[in-house]
Amino acid sequence: MKKTLFDIIDTWTLNWNRGIIETTLQQVAAPFNERKRVFFLLEEFWNTLEFIDDPLEFMTEERKIEQIEKLLSIARNERAAKAVKLEIVESPDVKIVVLNAEEVITKNPGWFEDWDGIT
């Protein structure tokens, strides 16, 4: 099944599942990291999840969803999320494959920073 990153993120607002969210971010980041790039949008989502996890913040499921919706509603973020094309393979485990990583990097170099690997 083919979708955009926007479509996947939008589903997070319908059914909050932290495990699926983390797995999605990791799988989408992998092809960019293999090319030594960090995609700004994924970093924005990781930062939002850190905020959501802050024990000093009162977070209901609704408020968590609002944080994701707020981040996705920013024009640049929406544009970036819609640019990333994905294929979801559901057998035996769900695997998300980025279909156009090289194209997104080439067409939008300002969306990426250099990545040296895990430190």
C-alpha atoms as a PDB file:
ATOM      1  CA  MET A   1       0.000   0.000   0.000  1.00  0.00           C
ATOM      2  CA  LYS A   2       1.462   3.384  -1.021  1.00  0.00           C
ATOM      3  CA  LYS A   3       0.972   6.518   1.067  1.00  0.00           C
ATOM      4  CA  THR A   4       2.750   9.716   1.995  1.00  0.00           C
ATOM      5  CA  LEU A   5       4.368  10.448   5.325  1.00  0.00           C
ATOM      6  CA  PHE A   6       1.558  12.970   5.838  1.00  0.00           C
ATOM      7  CA  ASP A   7      -1.014  10.174   5.564  1.00  0.00           C
ATOM      8  CA  ILE A   8       0.811   8.084   8.156  1.00  0.00           C
ATOM      9  CA  ILE A   9       1.228  10.957  10.592  1.00  0.00           C
ATOM     10  CA  ASP A  10      -2.411  11.888  10.138  1.00  0.00           C
ATOM     11  CA  THR A  11      -3.401   8.382  11.293  1.00  0.00           C
ATOM     12  CA  TRP A  12      -1.547   9.015  14.553  1.00  0.00           C
ATOM     13  CA  THR A  13      -4.207  11.588  15.357  1.00  0.00           C
ATOM     14  CA  LEU A  14      -6.935   8.968  14.956  1.00  0.00           C
ATOM     15  CA  ASN A  15      -5.319   6.212  16.994  1.00  0.00           C
ATOM     16  CA  TRP A  16      -2.508   7.176  19.355  1.00  0.00           C
ATOM     17  CA  ASN A  17      -0.043   4.313  19.586  1.00  0.00           C
ATOM     18  CA  ARG A  18       3.382   5.332  20.823  1.00  0.00           C
ATOM     19  CA  GLY A  19       5.052   2.112  19.691  1.00  0.00           C
ATOM     20  CA  ILE A  20       3.832   2.518  16.120  1.00  0.00           C
ATOM     21  CA  ILE A  21       4.861   6.173  16.104  1.00  0.00           C
ATOM     22  CA  GLU A  22       8.424   5.377  17.188  1.00  0.00           C
ATOM     23  CA  THR A  23       8.723   2.498  14.733  1.00  0.00           C
ATOM     24  CA  THR A  24       7.439   4.703  11.917  1.00  0.00           C
ATOM     25  CA  LEU A  25       9.927   7.487  12.687  1.00  0.00           C
ATOM     26  CA  GLN A  26      12.824   5.028  12.866  1.00  0.00           C
ATOM     27  CA  GLN A  27      11.915   3.277   9.616  1.00  0.00           C
ATOM     28  CA  VAL A  28      11.377   6.534   7.735  1.00  0.00           C
ATOM     29  CA  ALA A  29      14.658   7.978   9.061  1.00  0.00           C
ATOM     30  CA  ALA A  30      16.736   4.946   8.050  1.00  0.00           C
ATOM     31  CA  PRO A  31      17.141   5.670   4.305  1.00  0.00           C
ATOM     32  CA  PHE A  32      18.007   9.305   5.005  1.00  0.00           C
ATOM     33  CA  ASN A  33      20.508   8.302   7.669  1.00  0.00           C
ATOM     34  CA  GLU A  34      22.047   5.773   5.249  1.00  0.00           C
ATOM     35  CA  ARG A  35      22.666   8.753   2.972  1.00  0.00           C
ATOM     36  CA  LYS A  36      24.212  10.633   5.933  1.00  0.00           C
ATOM     37  CA  ARG A  37      21.280  13.049   6.218  1.00  0.00           C
ATOM     38  CA  VAL A  38      18.966  14.057   9.052  1.00  0.00           C
ATOM     39  CA  PHE A  39      15.463  15.022   7.921  1.00  0.00           C
ATOM     40  CA  PHE A  40      14.283  18.105   9.835  1.00  0.00           C
ATOM     41  CA  LEU A  41      10.679  16.929  10.035  1.00  0.00           C
ATOM     42  CA  LEU A  42      11.570  13.698  11.798  1.00  0.00           C
ATOM     43  CA  GLU A  43      13.640  15.666  14.298  1.00  0.00           C
ATOM     44  CA  GLU A  44      10.640  17.947  14.898  1.00  0.00           C
ATOM     45  CA  PHE A  45       8.509  14.915  15.690  1.00  0.00           C
ATOM     46  CA  TRP A  46      11.118  13.429  18.031  1.00  0.00           C
ATOM     47  CA  ASN A  47      11.283  16.786  19.841  1.00  0.00           C
ATOM     48  CA  THR A  48       7.493  16.846  20.112  1.00  0.00           C
ATOM     49  CA  LEU A  49       7.490  13.336  21.560  1.00  0.00           C
ATOM     50  CA  GLU A  50      10.070  14.425  24.141  1.00  0.00           C
ATOM     51  CA  PHE A  51       7.768  17.306  25.090  1.00  0.00           C
ATOM     52  CA  ILE A  52       4.810  14.924  25.301  1.00  0.00           C
ATOM     53  CA  ASP A  53       6.847  12.598  27.559  1.00  0.00           C
ATOM     54  CA  ASP A  54       7.865  15.394  29.925  1.00  0.00           C
ATOM     55  CA  PRO A  55       6.436  14.406  33.326  1.00  0.00           C
ATOM     56  CA  LEU A  56       5.906  18.088  34.138  1.00  0.00           C
ATOM     57  CA  GLU A  57       3.471  18.408  31.238  1.00  0.00           C
ATOM     58  CA  PHE A  58      -0.092  17.272  31.734  1.00  0.00           C
ATOM     59  CA  MET A  59      -0.798  15.134  28.669  1.00  0.00           C
ATOM     60  CA  THR A  60      -4.088  13.484  27.978  1.00  0.00           C
ATOM     61  CA  GLU A  61      -4.464  11.433  24.797  1.00  0.00           C
ATOM     62  CA  GLU A  62      -6.316  14.394  23.283  1.00  0.00           C
ATOM     63  CA  ARG A  63      -3.522  16.812  24.138  1.00  0.00           C
ATOM     64  CA  LYS A  64      -0.899  14.463  22.666  1.00  0.00           C
ATOM     65  CA  ILE A  65      -2.888  14.341  19.448  1.00  0.00           C
ATOM     66  CA  GLU A  66      -3.226  18.136  19.450  1.00  0.00           C
ATOM     67  CA  GLN A  67       0.564  18.474  19.636  1.00  0.00           C
ATOM     68  CA  ILE A  68       0.983  16.282  16.539  1.00  0.00           C
ATOM     69  CA  GLU A  69      -1.794  18.128  14.682  1.00  0.00           C
ATOM     70  CA  LYS A  70      -0.215  21.463  15.566  1.00  0.00           C
ATOM     71  CA  LEU A  71       3.180  20.375  14.250  1.00  0.00           C
ATOM     72  CA  LEU A  72       1.690  18.911  11.078  1.00  0.00           C
ATOM     73  CA  SER A  73      -0.341  22.067  10.395  1.00  0.00           C
ATOM     74  CA  ILE A  74       2.793  24.185   9.878  1.00  0.00           C
ATOM     75  CA  ALA A  75       2.995  24.757   6.109  1.00  0.00           C
ATOM     76  CA  ARG A  76       6.646  23.680   5.707  1.00  0.00           C
ATOM     77  CA  ASN A  77       6.067  20.542   7.752  1.00  0.00           C
ATOM     78  CA  GLU A  78       2.945  19.640   5.797  1.00  0.00           C
ATOM     79  CA  ARG A  79       4.777  20.160   2.500  1.00  0.00           C
ATOM     80  CA  ALA A  80       7.687  17.975   3.642  1.00  0.00           C
ATOM     81  CA  ALA A  81       5.384  15.231   4.946  1.00  0.00           C
ATOM     82  CA  LYS A  82       3.492  15.138   1.657  1.00  0.00           C
ATOM     83  CA  ALA A  83       6.731  14.943  -0.354  1.00  0.00           C
ATOM     84  CA  VAL A  84       7.900  11.670   1.223  1.00  0.00           C
ATOM     85  CA  LYS A  85       6.339   8.680  -0.563  1.00  0.00           C
ATOM     86  CA  LEU A  86       6.084   5.440   1.380  1.00  0.00           C
ATOM     87  CA  GLU A  87       5.155   1.857   0.772  1.00  0.00           C
ATOM     88  CA  ILE A  88       3.773  -0.120   3.671  1.00  0.00           C
ATOM     89  CA  VAL A  89       4.465  -3.832   3.589  1.00  0.00           C
ATOM     90  CA  GLU A  90       2.395  -5.721   6.159  1.00  0.00           C
ATOM     91  CA  SER A  91       3.757  -9.237   5.952  1.00  0.00           C
ATOM     92  CA  PRO A  92       4.784 -10.652   8.410  1.00  0.00           C
ATOM     93  CA  ASP A  93       5.540  -7.460  10.355  1.00  0.00           C
ATOM     94  CA  VAL A  94       4.709  -3.944   9.249  1.00  0.00           C
ATOM     95  CA  LYS A  95       7.619  -2.406   7.390  1.00  0.00           C
ATOM     96  CA  ILE A  96       7.685   1.102   5.964  1.00  0.00           C
ATOM     97  CA  VAL A  97       9.835   1.713   2.899  1.00  0.00           C
ATOM     98  CA  VAL A  98      10.662   5.225   1.698  1.00  0.00           C
ATOM     99  CA  LEU A  99      10.295   5.176  -2.077  1.00  0.00           C
ATOM    100  CA  ASN A 100      11.843   8.553  -2.920  1.00  0.00           C
ATOM    101  CA  ALA A 101      14.526   9.378  -0.334  1.00  0.00           C
ATOM    102  CA  GLU A 102      17.142  10.406  -2.896  1.00  0.00           C
ATOM    103  CA  GLU A 103      14.650  12.568  -4.794  1.00  0.00           C
ATOM    104  CA  VAL A 104      13.500  14.353  -1.621  1.00  0.00           C
ATOM    105  CA  ILE A 105      17.104  15.053  -0.608  1.00  0.00           C
ATOM    106  CA  THR A 106      18.027  16.332  -4.083  1.00  0.00           C
ATOM    107  CA  LYS A 107      14.969  18.552  -4.518  1.00  0.00           C
ATOM    108  CA  ASN A 108      14.934  19.904  -0.953  1.00  0.00           C
ATOM    109  CA  PRO A 109      18.491  20.079   0.419  1.00  0.00           C
ATOM    110  CA  GLY A 110      17.427  22.692   2.990  1.00  0.00           C
ATOM    111  CA  TRP A 111      15.335  20.039   4.745  1.00  0.00           C
ATOM    112  CA  PHE A 112      18.446  18.093   5.736  1.00  0.00           C
ATOM    113  CA  GLU A 113      21.549  18.374   7.849  1.00  0.00           C
ATOM    114  CA  ASP A 114      24.631  16.206   7.646  1.00  0.00           C
ATOM    115  CA  TRP A 115      24.608  13.162   9.915  1.00  0.00           C
ATOM    116  CA  ASP A 116      27.734  11.402  11.146  1.00  0.00           C
ATOM    117  CA  GLY A 117      25.974   8.423  12.690  1.00  0.00           C
ATOM    118  CA  ILE A 118      25.159   7.526  16.247  1.00  0.00           C
ATOM    119  CA  THR A 119      27.439   9.190  18.757  1.00  0.00           C
END
